[in-house]
Amino acid sequence: MTIDMSFEKREEFIREEGREEGSTERLVSQIQKKVKKAKSLDAIADEIETTADEIRSLYDAVIGHPDVTDPKKILELL
């Protein structure tokens, strides 16, 4: 029984990690699209209803690597 519970907890953890990663990739994609439209960090944060501090590292990575279009690659650079 303990092994089953441990397996279930591990599976749930893996699913949660996947959801978080997917969510972050979508966020990077949104930032990339808005940067292409020459929007500022503050404008982007306002539009996606967050703070500039919360997305600053993602924004900086997108700005610093304009040739990288794959959100996964941007996340690997962090």
Protein backbone atom coordinates (compact mmCIF):
# COMPACT_ATOMS: atom_id res chain seq x y z
CA MET A 1 0.00 0.00 0.00
CA THR A 2 2.81 2.44 0.78
CA ILE A 3 4.42 1.77 -2.58
CA ASP A 4 1.14 2.53 -4.36
CA MET A 5 0.72 5.81 -2.47
CA SER A 6 4.32 6.76 -3.17
CA PHE A 7 3.84 5.98 -6.87
CA GLU A 8 0.65 8.06 -6.97
CA LYS A 9 2.36 11.01 -5.30
CA ARG A 10 5.26 10.77 -7.74
CA GLU A 11 2.89 10.66 -10.71
CA GLU A 12 0.97 13.68 -9.41
CA PHE A 13 4.24 15.56 -8.90
CA ILE A 14 5.31 14.79 -12.48
CA ARG A 15 1.94 15.96 -13.83
CA GLU A 16 2.15 19.18 -11.81
CA GLU A 17 5.68 19.84 -13.07
CA GLY A 18 4.45 19.37 -16.64
CA ARG A 19 1.58 21.79 -16.12
CA GLU A 20 3.90 24.41 -14.66
CA GLU A 21 6.39 24.01 -17.51
CA GLY A 22 3.63 24.30 -20.10
CA SER A 23 2.27 27.38 -18.40
CA THR A 24 5.71 29.00 -18.37
CA GLU A 25 6.23 28.17 -22.04
CA ARG A 26 2.92 29.85 -22.88
CA LEU A 27 4.01 32.89 -20.89
CA VAL A 28 7.31 33.07 -22.80
CA SER A 29 5.40 32.78 -26.06
CA GLN A 30 3.12 35.65 -25.07
CA ILE A 31 6.10 37.79 -24.11
CA GLN A 32 7.81 37.01 -27.43
CA LYS A 33 4.73 38.10 -29.39
CA LYS A 34 4.41 41.32 -27.45
CA VAL A 35 8.13 42.12 -27.75
CA LYS A 36 7.79 41.74 -31.53
CA LYS A 37 5.13 44.45 -31.32
CA ALA A 38 7.70 46.66 -29.50
CA LYS A 39 5.81 46.64 -26.21
CA SER A 40 7.62 47.58 -23.02
CA LEU A 41 8.05 45.34 -20.00
CA ASP A 42 5.48 47.34 -18.05
CA ALA A 43 2.97 47.23 -20.90
CA ILE A 44 3.40 43.47 -21.28
CA ALA A 45 3.03 42.90 -17.55
CA ASP A 46 -0.13 44.99 -17.53
CA GLU A 47 -1.61 43.14 -20.50
CA ILE A 48 -0.99 39.69 -19.02
CA GLU A 49 -2.12 40.85 -15.59
CA THR A 50 1.08 40.34 -13.66
CA THR A 51 3.90 42.54 -12.38
CA ALA A 52 7.03 43.53 -14.22
CA ASP A 53 9.13 41.96 -11.46
CA GLU A 54 7.45 38.58 -11.96
CA ILE A 55 8.28 38.40 -15.67
CA ARG A 56 11.51 40.41 -15.80
CA SER A 57 13.84 37.38 -16.15
CA LEU A 58 11.71 35.93 -18.96
CA TYR A 59 11.48 39.32 -20.67
CA ASP A 60 15.25 39.83 -20.40
CA ALA A 61 15.89 36.38 -21.90
CA VAL A 62 13.53 37.12 -24.81
CA ILE A 63 15.11 40.54 -25.42
CA GLY A 64 18.64 39.16 -25.09
CA HIS A 65 18.02 36.35 -27.59
CA PRO A 66 15.76 37.69 -30.34
CA ASP A 67 16.92 34.94 -32.70
CA VAL A 68 15.56 32.20 -30.39
CA THR A 69 11.91 31.57 -31.26
CA ASP A 70 11.26 28.36 -29.32
CA PRO A 71 9.96 29.12 -25.80
CA LYS A 72 11.59 25.91 -24.51
CA LYS A 73 14.98 27.16 -25.70
CA ILE A 74 14.43 30.48 -23.93
CA LEU A 75 13.71 28.61 -20.70
CA GLU A 76 16.88 26.55 -21.12
CA LEU A 77 18.85 29.82 -21.25
CA LEU A 78 17.67 30.84 -17.80
